[in-house]
Amino acid sequence: DRKTLSQCIFKVDIVFDNEVKHVKAFLDTGNELREPVTNLPVMLVDKKIIEDTMNLQDDFFYIPFKLINGNKNYFKAFKPRYIIIENNGVKEKREVVIAISENKIDTSNNYEALLSRGIM
């Protein structure tokens, strides 16, 4: 199980105008969240990882989502310049929207972000 888990974790660089944040992100194959206006895939990131960079952002917006139990809510989000995903030694640039998770994504500290299928 541990080996299978590690195969779904990717190194991701979130590139801002003047900064790069490095995170480990889990590929959540059941996650198909997209920002409704641009149709860009959404990457969910722990707030603690990017909160210092969030202070530099001034163009936040909200993304609606619905949980499996039917409850609806919104993520605060923004668009970074781009992200770079390392997959089997190959780095690929992608456009995404970053949604901010107020709660810790992984309590075991294996990763700090979730990738939707559309990013890969």
N, C-alpha and C. Protein backbone atom coordinates (compact mmCIF):
# COMPACT_ATOMS: atom_id res chain seq x y z
N ASP A 1 0.82 -1.20 0.00
CA ASP A 1 0.00 0.00 0.00
C ASP A 1 0.86 1.26 0.00
N ARG A 2 1.95 1.22 0.77
CA ARG A 2 2.84 2.39 0.86
C ARG A 2 3.48 2.67 -0.49
N LYS A 3 3.89 1.60 -1.22
CA LYS A 3 4.50 1.77 -2.53
C LYS A 3 3.49 2.36 -3.51
N THR A 4 2.27 1.88 -3.48
CA THR A 4 1.22 2.39 -4.36
C THR A 4 0.95 3.86 -4.06
N LEU A 5 0.92 4.23 -2.77
CA LEU A 5 0.70 5.61 -2.38
C LEU A 5 1.80 6.51 -2.94
N SER A 6 3.05 6.07 -2.81
CA SER A 6 4.17 6.91 -3.27
C SER A 6 4.16 7.10 -4.79
N GLN A 7 3.58 6.18 -5.54
CA GLN A 7 3.49 6.31 -6.99
C GLN A 7 2.49 7.39 -7.40
N CYS A 8 1.63 7.78 -6.49
CA CYS A 8 0.62 8.80 -6.77
C CYS A 8 1.00 10.17 -6.22
N ILE A 9 2.22 10.30 -5.66
CA ILE A 9 2.68 11.57 -5.12
C ILE A 9 3.71 12.17 -6.05
N PHE A 10 3.51 13.45 -6.41
CA PHE A 10 4.36 14.13 -7.37
C PHE A 10 4.96 15.39 -6.77
N LYS A 11 6.17 15.74 -7.20
CA LYS A 11 6.78 17.01 -6.83
C LYS A 11 6.21 18.09 -7.73
N VAL A 12 5.73 19.17 -7.12
CA VAL A 12 5.12 20.25 -7.89
C VAL A 12 5.73 21.58 -7.44
N ASP A 13 6.09 22.40 -8.40
CA ASP A 13 6.52 23.77 -8.13
C ASP A 13 5.38 24.70 -8.54
N ILE A 14 4.94 25.53 -7.60
CA ILE A 14 3.92 26.53 -7.89
C ILE A 14 4.67 27.82 -8.16
N VAL A 15 4.55 28.34 -9.37
CA VAL A 15 5.32 29.51 -9.79
C VAL A 15 4.44 30.76 -9.73
N PHE A 16 4.90 31.71 -8.91
CA PHE A 16 4.25 33.02 -8.78
C PHE A 16 5.12 34.03 -9.53
N ASP A 17 4.77 35.30 -9.48
CA ASP A 17 5.57 36.32 -10.16
C ASP A 17 7.00 36.37 -9.62
N ASN A 18 7.16 36.36 -8.29
CA ASN A 18 8.49 36.54 -7.70
C ASN A 18 8.90 35.41 -6.78
N GLU A 19 8.22 34.29 -6.82
CA GLU A 19 8.49 33.22 -5.87
C GLU A 19 8.05 31.88 -6.43
N VAL A 20 8.68 30.82 -5.93
CA VAL A 20 8.29 29.45 -6.27
C VAL A 20 8.08 28.69 -4.97
N LYS A 21 6.96 28.00 -4.85
CA LYS A 21 6.68 27.15 -3.70
C LYS A 21 6.76 25.70 -4.15
N HIS A 22 7.46 24.88 -3.35
CA HIS A 22 7.61 23.46 -3.65
C HIS A 22 6.64 22.68 -2.76
N VAL A 23 5.85 21.80 -3.38
CA VAL A 23 4.91 20.97 -2.62
C VAL A 23 4.94 19.55 -3.14
N LYS A 24 4.51 18.64 -2.29
CA LYS A 24 4.25 17.27 -2.72
C LYS A 24 2.74 17.17 -2.88
N ALA A 25 2.31 16.64 -4.01
CA ALA A 25 0.88 16.59 -4.30
C ALA A 25 0.44 15.17 -4.64
N PHE A 26 -0.69 14.80 -4.12
CA PHE A 26 -1.28 13.48 -4.36
C PHE A 26 -2.25 13.56 -5.53
N LEU A 27 -2.11 12.64 -6.48
CA LEU A 27 -3.04 12.58 -7.61
C LEU A 27 -4.33 11.92 -7.14
N ASP A 28 -5.36 12.72 -7.00
CA ASP A 28 -6.67 12.27 -6.56
C ASP A 28 -7.49 11.93 -7.80
N THR A 29 -7.50 10.66 -8.18
CA THR A 29 -8.14 10.27 -9.45
C THR A 29 -9.65 10.48 -9.46
N GLY A 30 -10.24 10.64 -8.29
CA GLY A 30 -11.68 10.91 -8.22
C GLY A 30 -12.01 12.39 -8.25
N ASN A 31 -10.99 13.22 -8.30
CA ASN A 31 -11.17 14.66 -8.26
C ASN A 31 -11.16 15.22 -9.68
N GLU A 32 -12.28 15.74 -10.11
CA GLU A 32 -12.38 16.33 -11.44
C GLU A 32 -12.75 17.81 -11.35
N LEU A 33 -12.41 18.45 -10.22
CA LEU A 33 -12.78 19.85 -10.00
C LEU A 33 -12.12 20.76 -11.02
N ARG A 34 -12.94 21.62 -11.64
CA ARG A 34 -12.47 22.61 -12.60
C ARG A 34 -13.08 23.96 -12.23
N GLU A 35 -12.33 25.01 -12.51
CA GLU A 35 -12.84 26.36 -12.30
C GLU A 35 -13.86 26.62 -13.41
N PRO A 36 -15.10 27.01 -13.08
CA PRO A 36 -16.16 27.06 -14.07
C PRO A 36 -16.00 28.09 -15.19
N VAL A 37 -15.32 29.20 -14.98
CA VAL A 37 -15.22 30.23 -16.01
C VAL A 37 -14.13 29.88 -17.03
N THR A 38 -12.95 29.50 -16.56
CA THR A 38 -11.82 29.20 -17.46
C THR A 38 -11.74 27.73 -17.83
N ASN A 39 -12.43 26.88 -17.09
CA ASN A 39 -12.39 25.43 -17.25
C ASN A 39 -11.01 24.84 -16.93
N LEU A 40 -10.18 25.60 -16.21
CA LEU A 40 -8.87 25.09 -15.81
C LEU A 40 -9.02 24.10 -14.66
N PRO A 41 -8.17 23.06 -14.62
CA PRO A 41 -8.23 22.12 -13.49
C PRO A 41 -7.78 22.82 -12.20
N VAL A 42 -8.26 22.30 -11.08
CA VAL A 42 -7.99 22.91 -9.78
C VAL A 42 -7.05 22.02 -8.97
N MET A 43 -6.04 22.67 -8.38
CA MET A 43 -5.13 22.01 -7.45
C MET A 43 -5.44 22.54 -6.06
N LEU A 44 -5.77 21.65 -5.14
CA LEU A 44 -6.10 22.04 -3.78
C LEU A 44 -4.82 22.01 -2.94
N VAL A 45 -4.52 23.12 -2.24
CA VAL A 45 -3.27 23.25 -1.49
C VAL A 45 -3.58 23.67 -0.05
N ASP A 46 -2.83 23.06 0.90
CA ASP A 46 -2.95 23.46 2.31
C ASP A 46 -2.66 24.94 2.46
N LYS A 47 -3.50 25.63 3.18
CA LYS A 47 -3.33 27.06 3.40
C LYS A 47 -1.98 27.37 4.05
N LYS A 48 -1.53 26.56 4.98
CA LYS A 48 -0.27 26.82 5.69
C LYS A 48 0.92 26.85 4.74
N ILE A 49 0.84 26.13 3.64
CA ILE A 49 1.95 26.07 2.69
C ILE A 49 2.08 27.38 1.92
N ILE A 50 0.97 28.02 1.61
CA ILE A 50 1.03 29.20 0.73
C ILE A 50 0.52 30.48 1.38
N GLU A 51 0.26 30.46 2.70
CA GLU A 51 -0.35 31.64 3.30
C GLU A 51 0.52 32.89 3.21
N ASP A 52 1.85 32.76 3.25
CA ASP A 52 2.70 33.95 3.10
C ASP A 52 2.62 34.50 1.68
N THR A 53 2.49 33.65 0.71
CA THR A 53 2.35 34.07 -0.68
C THR A 53 0.96 34.63 -0.95
N MET A 54 -0.03 34.13 -0.23
CA MET A 54 -1.40 34.62 -0.40
C MET A 54 -1.49 36.11 -0.10
N ASN A 55 -0.67 36.59 0.81
CA ASN A 55 -0.69 38.01 1.15
C ASN A 55 -0.28 38.88 -0.04
N LEU A 56 0.43 38.29 -1.00
CA LEU A 56 0.85 39.04 -2.18
C LEU A 56 -0.19 39.00 -3.29
N GLN A 57 -1.18 38.13 -3.16
CA GLN A 57 -2.23 37.99 -4.17
C GLN A 57 -3.33 39.00 -3.90
N ASP A 58 -3.87 39.57 -4.96
CA ASP A 58 -5.00 40.47 -4.78
C ASP A 58 -6.17 40.13 -5.69
N ASP A 59 -6.06 39.02 -6.36
CA ASP A 59 -7.11 38.65 -7.32
C ASP A 59 -7.73 37.29 -6.97
N PHE A 60 -8.30 37.21 -5.78
CA PHE A 60 -8.96 35.98 -5.35
C PHE A 60 -10.36 35.89 -5.94
N PHE A 61 -10.83 34.68 -6.08
CA PHE A 61 -12.20 34.42 -6.50
C PHE A 61 -12.64 33.14 -5.80
N TYR A 62 -13.87 32.72 -5.98
CA TYR A 62 -14.39 31.56 -5.29
C TYR A 62 -14.87 30.51 -6.28
N ILE A 63 -14.56 29.26 -5.97
CA ILE A 63 -14.93 28.13 -6.82
C ILE A 63 -15.97 27.29 -6.06
N PRO A 64 -17.13 27.09 -6.66
CA PRO A 64 -18.13 26.24 -5.99
C PRO A 64 -17.76 24.77 -6.12
N PHE A 65 -18.09 23.99 -5.10
CA PHE A 65 -17.90 22.55 -5.18
C PHE A 65 -19.00 21.86 -4.39
N LYS A 66 -19.23 20.60 -4.72
CA LYS A 66 -20.25 19.82 -4.03
C LYS A 66 -19.60 18.53 -3.53
N LEU A 67 -19.83 18.23 -2.26
CA LEU A 67 -19.31 17.01 -1.66
C LEU A 67 -20.15 15.82 -2.07
N ILE A 68 -19.62 14.65 -1.85
CA ILE A 68 -20.32 13.43 -2.22
C ILE A 68 -21.66 13.30 -1.47
N ASN A 69 -21.75 13.91 -0.29
CA ASN A 69 -23.00 13.85 0.48
C ASN A 69 -24.02 14.90 0.02
N GLY A 70 -23.65 15.69 -1.00
CA GLY A 70 -24.56 16.67 -1.56
C GLY A 70 -24.38 18.08 -1.02
N ASN A 71 -23.62 18.25 0.06
CA ASN A 71 -23.39 19.59 0.61
C ASN A 71 -22.58 20.43 -0.38
N LYS A 72 -22.91 21.72 -0.45
CA LYS A 72 -22.23 22.64 -1.35
C LYS A 72 -21.44 23.66 -0.55
N ASN A 73 -20.31 24.11 -1.12
CA ASN A 73 -19.49 25.10 -0.46
C ASN A 73 -18.63 25.79 -1.53
N TYR A 74 -17.70 26.63 -1.09
CA TYR A 74 -16.81 27.35 -2.00
C TYR A 74 -15.38 27.29 -1.49
N PHE A 75 -14.43 27.19 -2.42
CA PHE A 75 -13.01 27.34 -2.10
C PHE A 75 -12.58 28.74 -2.52
N LYS A 76 -11.79 29.40 -1.66
CA LYS A 76 -11.11 30.63 -2.06
C LYS A 76 -9.99 30.20 -2.99
N ALA A 77 -9.80 30.91 -4.10
CA ALA A 77 -8.84 30.45 -5.11
C ALA A 77 -8.15 31.62 -5.81
N PHE A 78 -7.08 31.29 -6.51
CA PHE A 78 -6.36 32.25 -7.34
C PHE A 78 -5.62 31.48 -8.42
N LYS A 79 -5.13 32.21 -9.41
CA LYS A 79 -4.39 31.58 -10.50
C LYS A 79 -2.92 31.98 -10.39
N PRO A 80 -2.03 31.01 -10.18
CA PRO A 80 -0.60 31.32 -10.22
C PRO A 80 -0.16 31.49 -11.68
N ARG A 81 1.09 31.86 -11.90
CA ARG A 81 1.56 31.95 -13.29
C ARG A 81 1.43 30.59 -13.97
N TYR A 82 1.92 29.54 -13.28
CA TYR A 82 1.81 28.16 -13.77
C TYR A 82 2.37 27.24 -12.70
N ILE A 83 2.27 25.93 -12.92
CA ILE A 83 2.93 24.96 -12.06
C ILE A 83 3.82 24.09 -12.93
N ILE A 84 4.79 23.46 -12.30
CA ILE A 84 5.64 22.47 -12.97
C ILE A 84 5.52 21.17 -12.19
N ILE A 85 5.12 20.11 -12.87
CA ILE A 85 4.97 18.79 -12.26
C ILE A 85 6.11 17.90 -12.73
N GLU A 86 6.75 17.24 -11.77
CA GLU A 86 7.79 16.27 -12.12
C GLU A 86 7.18 14.88 -12.10
N ASN A 87 7.23 14.22 -13.25
CA ASN A 87 6.64 12.89 -13.40
C ASN A 87 7.67 11.99 -14.06
N ASN A 88 8.20 11.04 -13.29
CA ASN A 88 9.24 10.12 -13.79
C ASN A 88 10.43 10.86 -14.37
N GLY A 89 10.87 11.90 -13.69
CA GLY A 89 12.04 12.66 -14.11
C GLY A 89 11.77 13.70 -15.18
N VAL A 90 10.55 13.74 -15.70
CA VAL A 90 10.19 14.71 -16.74
C VAL A 90 9.38 15.83 -16.09
N LYS A 91 9.78 17.07 -16.36
CA LYS A 91 9.06 18.22 -15.81
C LYS A 91 8.13 18.80 -16.88
N GLU A 92 6.87 18.99 -16.48
CA GLU A 92 5.86 19.51 -17.40
C GLU A 92 5.19 20.74 -16.81
N LYS A 93 5.04 21.76 -17.63
CA LYS A 93 4.41 23.01 -17.22
C LYS A 93 2.91 22.91 -17.47
N ARG A 94 2.11 23.36 -16.49
CA ARG A 94 0.65 23.31 -16.60
C ARG A 94 0.03 24.59 -16.08
N GLU A 95 -1.09 24.97 -16.66
CA GLU A 95 -1.90 26.08 -16.15
C GLU A 95 -2.97 25.48 -15.25
N VAL A 96 -3.11 26.04 -14.06
CA VAL A 96 -4.11 25.55 -13.10
C VAL A 96 -4.66 26.72 -12.30
N VAL A 97 -5.66 26.41 -11.53
CA VAL A 97 -6.16 27.31 -10.51
C VAL A 97 -5.83 26.65 -9.17
N ILE A 98 -5.36 27.46 -8.21
CA ILE A 98 -5.06 26.96 -6.87
C ILE A 98 -6.24 27.27 -5.96
N ALA A 99 -6.80 26.22 -5.37
CA ALA A 99 -7.85 26.39 -4.35
C ALA A 99 -7.20 26.18 -2.99
N ILE A 100 -7.61 26.96 -2.02
CA ILE A 100 -6.99 26.95 -0.71
C ILE A 100 -7.81 26.11 0.25
N SER A 101 -7.16 25.11 0.84
CA SER A 101 -7.82 24.28 1.84
C SER A 101 -7.55 24.85 3.22
N GLU A 102 -8.61 25.16 3.94
CA GLU A 102 -8.48 25.66 5.30
C GLU A 102 -8.05 24.54 6.26
N ASN A 103 -8.29 23.29 5.86
CA ASN A 103 -7.95 22.13 6.68
C ASN A 103 -6.73 21.42 6.10
N LYS A 104 -5.99 20.77 6.97
CA LYS A 104 -4.83 20.00 6.54
C LYS A 104 -5.30 18.88 5.62
N ILE A 105 -4.68 18.74 4.48
CA ILE A 105 -5.12 17.75 3.49
C ILE A 105 -4.72 16.33 3.89
N ASP A 106 -3.50 16.16 4.41
CA ASP A 106 -3.02 14.83 4.80
C ASP A 106 -2.44 14.89 6.20
N THR A 107 -3.10 14.26 7.14
CA THR A 107 -2.64 14.29 8.53
C THR A 107 -1.38 13.45 8.74
N SER A 108 -1.02 12.59 7.78
CA SER A 108 0.20 11.79 7.88
C SER A 108 1.42 12.52 7.32
N ASN A 109 1.20 13.71 6.77
CA ASN A 109 2.29 14.55 6.22
C ASN A 109 3.02 13.93 5.03
N ASN A 110 2.33 13.15 4.22
CA ASN A 110 2.92 12.60 3.00
C ASN A 110 2.86 13.60 1.84
N TYR A 111 1.87 14.50 1.87
CA TYR A 111 1.68 15.47 0.81
C TYR A 111 0.92 16.67 1.36
N GLU A 112 1.01 17.81 0.62
CA GLU A 112 0.36 19.05 1.05
C GLU A 112 -0.67 19.57 0.04
N ALA A 113 -0.88 18.82 -1.02
CA ALA A 113 -1.79 19.28 -2.08
C ALA A 113 -2.45 18.09 -2.75
N LEU A 114 -3.56 18.37 -3.44
CA LEU A 114 -4.26 17.35 -4.24
C LEU A 114 -4.30 17.82 -5.69
N LEU A 115 -3.93 16.92 -6.58
CA LEU A 115 -4.02 17.19 -8.02
C LEU A 115 -5.29 16.56 -8.56
N SER A 116 -6.00 17.29 -9.40
CA SER A 116 -7.15 16.69 -10.07
C SER A 116 -6.65 15.94 -11.30
N ARG A 117 -7.47 15.04 -11.80
CA ARG A 117 -7.08 14.25 -12.98
C ARG A 117 -6.77 15.12 -14.18
N GLY A 118 -7.48 16.23 -14.31
CA GLY A 118 -7.28 17.10 -15.47
C GLY A 118 -5.91 17.74 -15.54
N ILE A 119 -5.18 17.78 -14.43
CA ILE A 119 -3.85 18.37 -14.42
C ILE A 119 -2.84 17.43 -15.06
N MET A 120 -3.03 16.17 -14.89
CA MET A 120 -2.07 15.18 -15.41
C MET A 120 -2.32 14.92 -16.89
